Amino acid sequence: MNILVVDDEHDVKDLFEQRFRKEIRNGEVKFGFALSGEDALNYLSDLSHEAVLILSDINMPGMSGLELLEKIKAKDTKPQPMVMMVTAYGDAENFNRAKELGADDFLTKPVDFMLLKEKLNLNK
């Protein structure tokens, strides 16, 4: 499973690689990382990168995660990647807006990695 993590915090890459160390080693997941919505769109436009799942922070400078979600869902990509929105704010407004725009799921920070692995069917 190819996963693109979009977050403006630099330490997120190390955190995901640490928490998914076994799954990466076993070839179950492959991660890509983008520090902004713009970087994520560039990553996705490169045909060598096919993200099956996108985990995007909502609150980022420049293009927000909600704007990125809207652009991803507007593309006629087949199959459409699954998009999980991640935010430190579990407020109803962001949740409802993300659902309106086509988010497949919604996670709050700090990310519960056991829950995320369950959602991805990686808990074995």
N, C-alpha and C. Protein backbone atom coordinates (compact mmCIF):
# COMPACT_ATOMS: atom_id res chain seq x y z
N MET A 1 0.84 -1.17 0.00
CA MET A 1 0.00 0.00 0.00
C MET A 1 0.89 1.24 0.00
N ASN A 2 0.68 2.12 -0.95
CA ASN A 2 1.42 3.37 -1.03
C ASN A 2 0.66 4.45 -0.28
N ILE A 3 1.33 5.08 0.68
CA ILE A 3 0.71 6.09 1.52
C ILE A 3 1.48 7.39 1.40
N LEU A 4 0.77 8.47 1.13
CA LEU A 4 1.36 9.80 1.09
C LEU A 4 0.91 10.54 2.35
N VAL A 5 1.87 10.98 3.16
CA VAL A 5 1.58 11.74 4.37
C VAL A 5 1.89 13.21 4.07
N VAL A 6 0.89 14.07 4.28
CA VAL A 6 1.04 15.49 4.00
C VAL A 6 0.91 16.25 5.32
N ASP A 7 2.02 16.85 5.76
CA ASP A 7 2.02 17.57 7.03
C ASP A 7 3.19 18.54 7.02
N ASP A 8 2.96 19.75 7.50
CA ASP A 8 4.03 20.76 7.50
C ASP A 8 5.02 20.58 8.65
N GLU A 9 4.78 19.64 9.54
CA GLU A 9 5.73 19.37 10.62
C GLU A 9 6.78 18.36 10.14
N HIS A 10 8.04 18.76 10.23
CA HIS A 10 9.13 17.94 9.70
C HIS A 10 9.31 16.61 10.42
N ASP A 11 8.99 16.56 11.71
CA ASP A 11 9.22 15.33 12.48
C ASP A 11 8.20 14.22 12.20
N VAL A 12 7.17 14.51 11.43
CA VAL A 12 6.14 13.52 11.11
C VAL A 12 6.74 12.34 10.32
N LYS A 13 7.67 12.65 9.44
CA LYS A 13 8.30 11.59 8.63
C LYS A 13 8.97 10.55 9.53
N ASP A 14 9.79 11.01 10.47
CA ASP A 14 10.48 10.09 11.37
C ASP A 14 9.48 9.30 12.21
N LEU A 15 8.43 9.97 12.66
CA LEU A 15 7.42 9.32 13.50
C LEU A 15 6.74 8.18 12.75
N PHE A 16 6.28 8.44 11.51
CA PHE A 16 5.60 7.40 10.73
C PHE A 16 6.55 6.26 10.39
N GLU A 17 7.79 6.59 10.02
CA GLU A 17 8.75 5.54 9.69
C GLU A 17 9.08 4.68 10.91
N GLN A 18 9.09 5.29 12.09
CA GLN A 18 9.34 4.53 13.31
C GLN A 18 8.15 3.64 13.64
N ARG A 19 6.94 4.19 13.60
CA ARG A 19 5.74 3.45 14.00
C ARG A 19 5.35 2.36 13.00
N PHE A 20 5.79 2.48 11.74
CA PHE A 20 5.48 1.48 10.71
C PHE A 20 6.73 0.73 10.26
N ARG A 21 7.74 0.71 11.12
CA ARG A 21 9.03 0.09 10.77
C ARG A 21 8.85 -1.35 10.27
N LYS A 22 8.09 -2.15 11.02
CA LYS A 22 7.88 -3.56 10.65
C LYS A 22 7.15 -3.68 9.31
N GLU A 23 6.10 -2.88 9.13
CA GLU A 23 5.31 -2.94 7.90
C GLU A 23 6.11 -2.47 6.68
N ILE A 24 6.98 -1.49 6.89
CA ILE A 24 7.85 -1.02 5.79
C ILE A 24 8.85 -2.13 5.44
N ARG A 25 9.47 -2.70 6.45
CA ARG A 25 10.45 -3.77 6.24
C ARG A 25 9.82 -4.97 5.53
N ASN A 26 8.56 -5.29 5.89
CA ASN A 26 7.86 -6.42 5.27
C ASN A 26 7.28 -6.10 3.90
N GLY A 27 7.41 -4.86 3.46
CA GLY A 27 6.89 -4.47 2.15
C GLY A 27 5.39 -4.27 2.12
N GLU A 28 4.77 -4.17 3.29
CA GLU A 28 3.32 -3.97 3.35
C GLU A 28 2.92 -2.54 3.01
N VAL A 29 3.78 -1.58 3.38
CA VAL A 29 3.51 -0.18 3.10
C VAL A 29 4.76 0.51 2.59
N LYS A 30 4.51 1.53 1.80
CA LYS A 30 5.58 2.39 1.29
C LYS A 30 5.09 3.82 1.49
N PHE A 31 5.92 4.65 2.11
CA PHE A 31 5.52 6.01 2.41
C PHE A 31 6.17 7.02 1.49
N GLY A 32 5.41 8.06 1.20
CA GLY A 32 5.91 9.27 0.58
C GLY A 32 5.52 10.40 1.53
N PHE A 33 6.28 11.49 1.51
CA PHE A 33 6.00 12.59 2.42
C PHE A 33 6.03 13.91 1.67
N ALA A 34 5.09 14.78 2.03
CA ALA A 34 5.02 16.13 1.46
C ALA A 34 4.80 17.10 2.60
N LEU A 35 5.48 18.25 2.53
CA LEU A 35 5.39 19.24 3.60
C LEU A 35 4.32 20.30 3.37
N SER A 36 3.63 20.22 2.22
CA SER A 36 2.58 21.19 1.92
C SER A 36 1.61 20.59 0.92
N GLY A 37 0.47 21.24 0.78
CA GLY A 37 -0.50 20.81 -0.22
C GLY A 37 0.07 20.89 -1.62
N GLU A 38 0.84 21.94 -1.88
CA GLU A 38 1.46 22.10 -3.19
C GLU A 38 2.45 20.97 -3.47
N ASP A 39 3.26 20.64 -2.46
CA ASP A 39 4.21 19.52 -2.61
C ASP A 39 3.47 18.21 -2.88
N ALA A 40 2.34 18.03 -2.21
CA ALA A 40 1.55 16.81 -2.38
C ALA A 40 1.02 16.71 -3.81
N LEU A 41 0.53 17.81 -4.37
CA LEU A 41 0.02 17.78 -5.75
C LEU A 41 1.15 17.47 -6.72
N ASN A 42 2.33 18.03 -6.48
CA ASN A 42 3.49 17.73 -7.34
C ASN A 42 3.85 16.25 -7.23
N TYR A 43 3.85 15.72 -6.04
CA TYR A 43 4.15 14.30 -5.81
C TYR A 43 3.15 13.43 -6.57
N LEU A 44 1.87 13.78 -6.46
CA LEU A 44 0.83 12.97 -7.09
C LEU A 44 0.84 13.10 -8.62
N SER A 45 1.33 14.22 -9.13
CA SER A 45 1.34 14.40 -10.59
C SER A 45 2.46 13.60 -11.25
N ASP A 46 3.45 13.19 -10.46
CA ASP A 46 4.52 12.35 -10.97
C ASP A 46 3.97 10.93 -11.12
N LEU A 47 3.89 10.44 -12.34
CA LEU A 47 3.25 9.15 -12.62
C LEU A 47 3.92 7.97 -11.93
N SER A 48 5.15 8.16 -11.45
CA SER A 48 5.81 7.04 -10.79
C SER A 48 5.32 6.85 -9.35
N HIS A 49 4.49 7.79 -8.89
CA HIS A 49 3.99 7.71 -7.51
C HIS A 49 2.48 7.54 -7.53
N GLU A 50 2.01 6.39 -7.14
CA GLU A 50 0.57 6.15 -7.06
C GLU A 50 0.18 5.96 -5.61
N ALA A 51 -0.37 6.99 -5.01
CA ALA A 51 -0.80 6.91 -3.62
C ALA A 51 -2.17 6.25 -3.56
N VAL A 52 -2.27 5.22 -2.76
CA VAL A 52 -3.54 4.55 -2.53
C VAL A 52 -4.26 5.24 -1.38
N LEU A 53 -3.47 5.77 -0.44
CA LEU A 53 -4.02 6.45 0.73
C LEU A 53 -3.25 7.74 0.93
N ILE A 54 -3.99 8.80 1.21
CA ILE A 54 -3.37 10.08 1.53
C ILE A 54 -3.82 10.47 2.93
N LEU A 55 -2.84 10.71 3.81
CA LEU A 55 -3.11 11.20 5.16
C LEU A 55 -2.69 12.66 5.17
N SER A 56 -3.66 13.56 5.27
CA SER A 56 -3.33 14.97 5.16
C SER A 56 -3.75 15.75 6.40
N ASP A 57 -2.80 16.55 6.90
CA ASP A 57 -3.10 17.50 7.96
C ASP A 57 -4.08 18.52 7.38
N ILE A 58 -4.95 19.06 8.20
CA ILE A 58 -5.89 20.09 7.72
C ILE A 58 -5.25 21.46 7.77
N ASN A 59 -4.64 21.80 8.90
CA ASN A 59 -4.10 23.15 9.10
C ASN A 59 -2.64 23.22 8.70
N MET A 60 -2.41 23.78 7.50
CA MET A 60 -1.05 23.96 6.99
C MET A 60 -0.97 25.34 6.37
N PRO A 61 0.21 25.97 6.39
CA PRO A 61 0.35 27.25 5.70
C PRO A 61 0.21 27.06 4.20
N GLY A 62 -0.22 28.09 3.52
CA GLY A 62 -0.44 27.97 2.07
C GLY A 62 -1.73 27.21 1.84
N MET A 63 -1.67 26.18 1.02
CA MET A 63 -2.85 25.37 0.73
C MET A 63 -3.21 24.51 1.93
N SER A 64 -4.41 24.66 2.43
CA SER A 64 -4.84 23.85 3.58
C SER A 64 -5.12 22.42 3.12
N GLY A 65 -5.22 21.53 4.09
CA GLY A 65 -5.56 20.15 3.79
C GLY A 65 -6.93 20.02 3.15
N LEU A 66 -7.87 20.89 3.53
CA LEU A 66 -9.20 20.86 2.92
C LEU A 66 -9.14 21.29 1.46
N GLU A 67 -8.31 22.28 1.15
CA GLU A 67 -8.14 22.69 -0.25
C GLU A 67 -7.49 21.58 -1.05
N LEU A 68 -6.50 20.91 -0.45
CA LEU A 68 -5.86 19.78 -1.11
C LEU A 68 -6.86 18.67 -1.37
N LEU A 69 -7.67 18.36 -0.37
CA LEU A 69 -8.70 17.33 -0.50
C LEU A 69 -9.63 17.65 -1.67
N GLU A 70 -10.05 18.89 -1.76
CA GLU A 70 -10.95 19.31 -2.84
C GLU A 70 -10.31 19.09 -4.20
N LYS A 71 -9.03 19.44 -4.33
CA LYS A 71 -8.32 19.26 -5.61
C LYS A 71 -8.14 17.78 -5.94
N ILE A 72 -7.82 16.97 -4.94
CA ILE A 72 -7.62 15.53 -5.17
C ILE A 72 -8.92 14.88 -5.64
N LYS A 73 -10.01 15.21 -4.96
CA LYS A 73 -11.30 14.59 -5.28
C LYS A 73 -11.87 15.11 -6.60
N ALA A 74 -11.43 16.30 -7.04
CA ALA A 74 -11.90 16.85 -8.32
C ALA A 74 -11.22 16.18 -9.52
N LYS A 75 -10.05 15.57 -9.28
CA LYS A 75 -9.34 14.90 -10.37
C LYS A 75 -10.05 13.61 -10.75
N ASP A 76 -10.00 13.29 -12.02
CA ASP A 76 -10.66 12.08 -12.52
C ASP A 76 -9.68 10.91 -12.49
N THR A 77 -9.10 10.69 -11.32
CA THR A 77 -8.12 9.62 -11.15
C THR A 77 -8.86 8.31 -10.86
N LYS A 78 -8.48 7.26 -11.55
CA LYS A 78 -9.08 5.95 -11.31
C LYS A 78 -7.99 4.97 -10.92
N PRO A 79 -8.09 4.32 -9.79
CA PRO A 79 -9.08 4.57 -8.75
C PRO A 79 -8.70 5.80 -7.94
N GLN A 80 -9.68 6.43 -7.35
CA GLN A 80 -9.42 7.60 -6.51
C GLN A 80 -8.72 7.14 -5.24
N PRO A 81 -7.70 7.87 -4.79
CA PRO A 81 -7.06 7.48 -3.54
C PRO A 81 -8.00 7.72 -2.35
N MET A 82 -7.85 6.92 -1.32
CA MET A 82 -8.59 7.15 -0.09
C MET A 82 -7.88 8.30 0.63
N VAL A 83 -8.65 9.24 1.19
CA VAL A 83 -8.07 10.39 1.87
C VAL A 83 -8.57 10.45 3.31
N MET A 84 -7.61 10.40 4.24
CA MET A 84 -7.92 10.57 5.66
C MET A 84 -7.37 11.92 6.09
N MET A 85 -8.23 12.72 6.68
CA MET A 85 -7.81 14.04 7.16
C MET A 85 -7.35 13.91 8.60
N VAL A 86 -6.25 14.60 8.93
CA VAL A 86 -5.66 14.54 10.26
C VAL A 86 -5.56 15.96 10.80
N THR A 87 -6.06 16.18 12.02
CA THR A 87 -5.99 17.51 12.60
C THR A 87 -5.88 17.45 14.11
N ALA A 88 -5.32 18.49 14.67
CA ALA A 88 -5.25 18.61 16.12
C ALA A 88 -6.58 19.10 16.67
N TYR A 89 -7.43 19.55 15.78
CA TYR A 89 -8.72 20.10 16.19
C TYR A 89 -9.83 19.15 15.77
N GLY A 90 -10.48 18.52 16.73
CA GLY A 90 -11.54 17.57 16.42
C GLY A 90 -12.89 18.26 16.35
N ASP A 91 -12.90 19.47 15.80
CA ASP A 91 -14.14 20.23 15.80
C ASP A 91 -15.10 19.79 14.69
N ALA A 92 -16.37 20.00 14.95
CA ALA A 92 -17.42 19.56 14.02
C ALA A 92 -17.33 20.29 12.68
N GLU A 93 -16.92 21.55 12.68
CA GLU A 93 -16.86 22.31 11.43
C GLU A 93 -15.87 21.69 10.44
N ASN A 94 -14.63 21.40 10.92
CA ASN A 94 -13.65 20.76 10.04
C ASN A 94 -14.10 19.37 9.63
N PHE A 95 -14.67 18.62 10.56
CA PHE A 95 -15.15 17.27 10.26
C PHE A 95 -16.22 17.32 9.16
N ASN A 96 -17.21 18.19 9.33
CA ASN A 96 -18.30 18.29 8.35
C ASN A 96 -17.80 18.77 7.00
N ARG A 97 -16.89 19.73 7.00
CA ARG A 97 -16.36 20.25 5.72
C ARG A 97 -15.55 19.15 5.02
N ALA A 98 -14.75 18.41 5.77
CA ALA A 98 -13.97 17.33 5.19
C ALA A 98 -14.89 16.26 4.59
N LYS A 99 -15.96 15.90 5.28
CA LYS A 99 -16.91 14.92 4.76
C LYS A 99 -17.59 15.44 3.50
N GLU A 100 -17.98 16.73 3.50
CA GLU A 100 -18.61 17.34 2.31
C GLU A 100 -17.69 17.24 1.10
N LEU A 101 -16.40 17.42 1.32
CA LEU A 101 -15.43 17.42 0.23
C LEU A 101 -15.01 16.01 -0.19
N GLY A 102 -15.50 15.00 0.51
CA GLY A 102 -15.21 13.62 0.10
C GLY A 102 -14.17 12.89 0.91
N ALA A 103 -13.83 13.41 2.10
CA ALA A 103 -12.86 12.69 2.94
C ALA A 103 -13.41 11.32 3.29
N ASP A 104 -12.54 10.33 3.26
CA ASP A 104 -12.94 8.96 3.58
C ASP A 104 -12.91 8.68 5.06
N ASP A 105 -12.10 9.45 5.80
CA ASP A 105 -12.01 9.24 7.24
C ASP A 105 -11.39 10.48 7.85
N PHE A 106 -11.40 10.55 9.18
CA PHE A 106 -10.97 11.73 9.90
C PHE A 106 -10.27 11.28 11.17
N LEU A 107 -9.01 11.68 11.36
CA LEU A 107 -8.23 11.32 12.54
C LEU A 107 -7.81 12.57 13.29
N THR A 108 -7.68 12.45 14.60
CA THR A 108 -7.20 13.59 15.37
C THR A 108 -5.77 13.33 15.85
N LYS A 109 -5.04 14.43 16.05
CA LYS A 109 -3.68 14.36 16.58
C LYS A 109 -3.75 14.38 18.09
N PRO A 110 -2.86 13.73 18.77
CA PRO A 110 -1.82 12.87 18.19
C PRO A 110 -2.45 11.61 17.59
N VAL A 111 -1.91 11.19 16.47
CA VAL A 111 -2.45 10.03 15.76
C VAL A 111 -2.31 8.78 16.62
N ASP A 112 -3.40 8.05 16.76
CA ASP A 112 -3.40 6.76 17.43
C ASP A 112 -2.97 5.73 16.37
N PHE A 113 -1.70 5.35 16.41
CA PHE A 113 -1.16 4.48 15.37
C PHE A 113 -1.76 3.08 15.40
N MET A 114 -2.15 2.59 16.56
CA MET A 114 -2.82 1.29 16.62
C MET A 114 -4.16 1.36 15.89
N LEU A 115 -4.91 2.43 16.12
CA LEU A 115 -6.19 2.63 15.43
C LEU A 115 -5.98 2.76 13.93
N LEU A 116 -4.97 3.53 13.53
CA LEU A 116 -4.69 3.70 12.11
C LEU A 116 -4.34 2.36 11.47
N LYS A 117 -3.53 1.56 12.13
CA LYS A 117 -3.18 0.24 11.58
C LYS A 117 -4.42 -0.65 11.47
N GLU A 118 -5.33 -0.55 12.44
CA GLU A 118 -6.58 -1.31 12.36
C GLU A 118 -7.38 -0.87 11.14
N LYS A 119 -7.49 0.43 10.94
CA LYS A 119 -8.24 0.95 9.79
C LYS A 119 -7.63 0.48 8.46
N LEU A 120 -6.32 0.30 8.45
CA LEU A 120 -5.61 -0.12 7.23
C LEU A 120 -5.46 -1.63 7.15
N ASN A 121 -6.08 -2.35 8.09
CA ASN A 121 -5.97 -3.81 8.16
C ASN A 121 -4.53 -4.29 8.24
N LEU A 122 -3.72 -3.58 9.03
CA LEU A 122 -2.32 -3.95 9.19
C LEU A 122 -2.03 -4.56 10.54
N ASN A 123 -3.01 -4.63 11.42
CA ASN A 123 -2.81 -5.26 12.73
C ASN A 123 -2.95 -6.77 12.60
N LYS A 124 -1.82 -7.42 12.64
CA LYS A 124 -1.83 -8.88 12.49
C LYS A 124 -1.15 -9.50 13.66
